[in-house]
Each structure stands twice: as structure tokens, then as C-alpha cells.
Amino acid sequence: MSQSKNDLFYLCSLIEYISRITKNTKKDIVIAIGKENLTKIYSLASVLHTEPIEKISDEIIDKYHISIGNYSNDYYQHKIPTFWDMGKIYQRLIVMNSKDEDYITSLVEVLTSFIILKLDNYDSSLYYENPSYLYECYKEGKIL
């Protein structure tokens, strides 16, 4: 995996982690941080990943004033995937959607789209689906 894709994977996983601990959607987190700041975090990802993700997420939550929301996946019956697992799914979708490796623009588009809430439903098997299928669903704006 190229360094830029690895940095994107870290950023996606970080957003997922922050989303879980603050009980906000990925869309809420992306909006709270903003595209310019996401670009900065992405550019620092190769350094940030050397620190515990808990520390980095706490710093981001404080810096961007992310409050506790009421969105939760706690009610699902099945074992939920890790934030790293979900970060990998998001990273793949973003790369497939990206034009000219403009990963941050694509990240904002993908993580604020309908498919992320669908992927959050761990009682469905959507997050196990083939990345190409997920991308086609994303492009069509519905689950096929």
C-alpha cells in the first residue's frame, strides 16, 4: 500500500474511532473538523500514527469542539468490526471514488453519503461485501 493510501487508512480509522467514542455519525465528525483541517491531519498521518489513537482522538475532539452526540451502534446483535476494519472499508471506497488522488475531497463525499449509515448497520452484512459492489452502490445512491 502506498504511503498516501496508508495515511488515508489511518485518517479513516481515526474518524471512525472519534465517531464511536463521541456517539456521532462520520458525517458529523467530517463536518466538525472541516475539509481544510482534514487535509492537515492527513498530511501529518505518518507522524500521528506513532502516537496512541486515543491520545490523538482526544486532541482532535478538544481542538474542534466535538461534543457527545446520541448516535450509537450499541444495539446491534452481532460482533461489530473494529474501527480499523471500518477504516479499511472507507479507505477502499474513497480510493475508488477519488480522481487524481484527491483523497480528501473524496473522503468528504463518501463519509457524508448515505452508504456510511448503511455500513453502520452491523446486523446487515453490507460491510462484508466486495469493495466493488459497495462502490457501485455508492455511485448509484442506493443499495443494489
Protein backbone atom coordinates (compact mmCIF):
# COMPACT_ATOMS: atom_id res chain seq x y z
CA MET A 1 0.00 0.00 0.00
CA SER A 2 1.38 3.41 -0.90
CA GLN A 3 2.12 5.85 1.90
CA SER A 4 -0.71 8.13 0.78
CA LYS A 5 -3.20 5.24 0.95
CA ASN A 6 -1.81 4.19 4.31
CA ASP A 7 -2.23 7.76 5.60
CA LEU A 8 -5.79 7.74 4.27
CA PHE A 9 -6.45 4.45 6.06
CA TYR A 10 -5.23 5.99 9.31
CA LEU A 11 -7.40 9.09 8.86
CA CYS A 12 -10.49 6.98 8.08
CA SER A 13 -9.88 4.80 11.13
CA LEU A 14 -9.35 7.88 13.30
CA ILE A 15 -12.66 9.35 12.12
CA GLU A 16 -14.39 6.04 12.86
CA TYR A 17 -12.82 5.92 16.33
CA ILE A 18 -13.84 9.51 17.13
CA SER A 19 -17.33 8.78 15.83
CA ARG A 20 -17.69 5.82 18.17
CA ILE A 21 -16.41 7.47 21.32
CA THR A 22 -18.38 10.69 20.77
CA LYS A 23 -21.53 8.91 19.54
CA ASN A 24 -21.65 10.98 16.36
CA THR A 25 -22.00 9.95 12.73
CA LYS A 26 -18.99 10.06 10.44
CA LYS A 27 -20.73 12.94 8.66
CA ASP A 28 -20.90 14.89 11.94
CA ILE A 29 -17.18 14.33 12.53
CA VAL A 30 -16.18 15.29 8.98
CA ILE A 31 -18.25 18.49 9.18
CA ALA A 32 -16.92 19.38 12.64
CA ILE A 33 -13.29 19.03 11.55
CA GLY A 34 -13.73 20.52 8.09
CA LYS A 35 -12.00 19.79 4.81
CA GLU A 36 -9.02 22.08 5.40
CA ASN A 37 -8.27 20.54 8.79
CA LEU A 38 -8.82 17.01 7.45
CA THR A 39 -6.18 17.83 4.84
CA LYS A 40 -3.78 18.89 7.59
CA ILE A 41 -4.43 15.76 9.66
CA TYR A 42 -3.94 13.63 6.54
CA SER A 43 -0.62 15.32 5.83
CA LEU A 44 0.53 14.54 9.38
CA ALA A 45 -0.85 10.98 9.49
CA SER A 46 2.53 9.29 9.10
CA VAL A 47 3.66 11.03 12.30
CA LEU A 48 0.34 10.91 14.16
CA HIS A 49 0.04 7.14 13.84
CA THR A 50 3.10 6.75 16.08
CA GLU A 51 1.01 8.01 19.00
CA PRO A 52 -1.86 6.09 20.60
CA ILE A 53 -5.07 6.72 18.67
CA GLU A 54 -6.80 7.53 21.97
CA LYS A 55 -4.42 10.46 22.54
CA ILE A 56 -4.79 11.82 19.01
CA SER A 57 -8.58 11.48 19.08
CA ASP A 58 -8.79 13.30 22.43
CA GLU A 59 -6.71 16.15 20.98
CA ILE A 60 -8.93 16.38 17.90
CA ILE A 61 -12.13 16.24 19.96
CA ASP A 62 -10.85 19.12 22.12
CA LYS A 63 -9.42 21.19 19.25
CA TYR A 64 -12.55 21.02 17.10
CA HIS A 65 -15.03 21.12 19.99
CA ILE A 66 -16.71 17.83 19.11
CA SER A 67 -19.45 17.23 21.64
CA ILE A 68 -21.07 13.97 22.65
CA GLY A 69 -23.94 13.07 20.34
CA ASN A 70 -26.65 10.44 20.54
CA TYR A 71 -25.79 8.23 17.56
CA SER A 72 -24.89 4.72 18.62
CA ASN A 73 -24.35 1.26 17.21
CA ASP A 74 -24.60 -0.37 20.65
CA TYR A 75 -27.93 -2.04 19.97
CA TYR A 76 -26.70 -4.41 17.28
CA GLN A 77 -26.81 -8.13 17.98
CA HIS A 78 -23.61 -9.17 16.26
CA LYS A 79 -19.98 -8.58 16.99
CA ILE A 80 -19.06 -5.24 15.50
CA PRO A 81 -15.99 -4.74 13.32
CA THR A 82 -13.10 -2.78 14.76
CA PHE A 83 -12.55 0.85 13.87
CA TRP A 84 -9.51 -0.36 11.88
CA ASP A 85 -11.76 -2.75 9.91
CA MET A 86 -14.17 0.05 9.07
CA GLY A 87 -11.30 2.42 8.27
CA LYS A 88 -10.12 -0.05 5.63
CA ILE A 89 -13.59 -0.23 4.06
CA TYR A 90 -13.84 3.57 3.92
CA GLN A 91 -10.31 3.86 2.55
CA ARG A 92 -11.10 1.50 -0.32
CA LEU A 93 -14.31 3.35 -1.20
CA ILE A 94 -12.52 6.69 -1.12
CA VAL A 95 -9.68 5.49 -3.33
CA MET A 96 -12.15 4.03 -5.85
CA ASN A 97 -14.06 7.32 -5.86
CA SER A 98 -11.01 9.56 -5.98
CA LYS A 99 -9.90 11.42 -9.05
CA ASP A 100 -6.17 12.18 -9.29
CA GLU A 101 -5.60 11.02 -5.71
CA ASP A 102 -7.65 13.91 -4.33
CA TYR A 103 -8.39 11.77 -1.33
CA ILE A 104 -9.71 14.45 1.00
CA THR A 105 -12.38 15.67 -1.42
CA SER A 106 -13.40 12.06 -1.94
CA LEU A 107 -13.30 11.38 1.82
CA VAL A 108 -15.76 14.22 2.44
CA GLU A 109 -18.05 12.97 -0.33
CA VAL A 110 -18.01 9.34 0.78
CA LEU A 111 -18.16 9.79 4.56
CA THR A 112 -21.09 12.18 4.30
CA SER A 113 -23.04 9.90 1.94
CA PHE A 114 -25.95 7.53 2.58
CA ILE A 115 -23.80 4.40 2.35
CA ILE A 116 -21.95 5.10 5.60
CA LEU A 117 -25.14 4.85 7.66
CA LYS A 118 -25.94 1.62 5.82
CA LEU A 119 -22.47 0.26 6.62
CA ASP A 120 -23.02 1.19 10.28
CA ASN A 121 -25.87 -1.32 10.47
CA TYR A 122 -23.82 -4.27 11.68
CA ASP A 123 -26.90 -6.51 11.75
CA SER A 124 -26.73 -6.43 7.96
CA SER A 125 -23.85 -7.97 6.10
CA LEU A 126 -23.14 -4.93 3.94
CA TYR A 127 -19.71 -4.23 5.42
CA TYR A 128 -18.65 -7.76 4.38
CA GLU A 129 -19.48 -7.10 0.75
CA ASN A 130 -16.97 -6.82 -2.06
CA PRO A 131 -15.46 -3.31 -2.34
CA SER A 132 -16.55 -3.11 -5.99
CA TYR A 133 -20.15 -3.81 -5.01
CA LEU A 134 -20.02 -1.16 -2.28
CA TYR A 135 -18.63 1.33 -4.76
CA GLU A 136 -21.39 0.59 -7.29
CA CYS A 137 -24.00 1.09 -4.54
CA TYR A 138 -22.34 4.37 -3.61
CA LYS A 139 -22.30 5.57 -7.22
CA GLU A 140 -25.96 4.62 -7.74
CA GLY A 141 -27.04 6.23 -4.47
CA LYS A 142 -28.80 3.10 -3.25
CA ILE A 143 -28.17 -0.48 -2.21
CA LEU A 144 -28.38 -2.60 -5.35
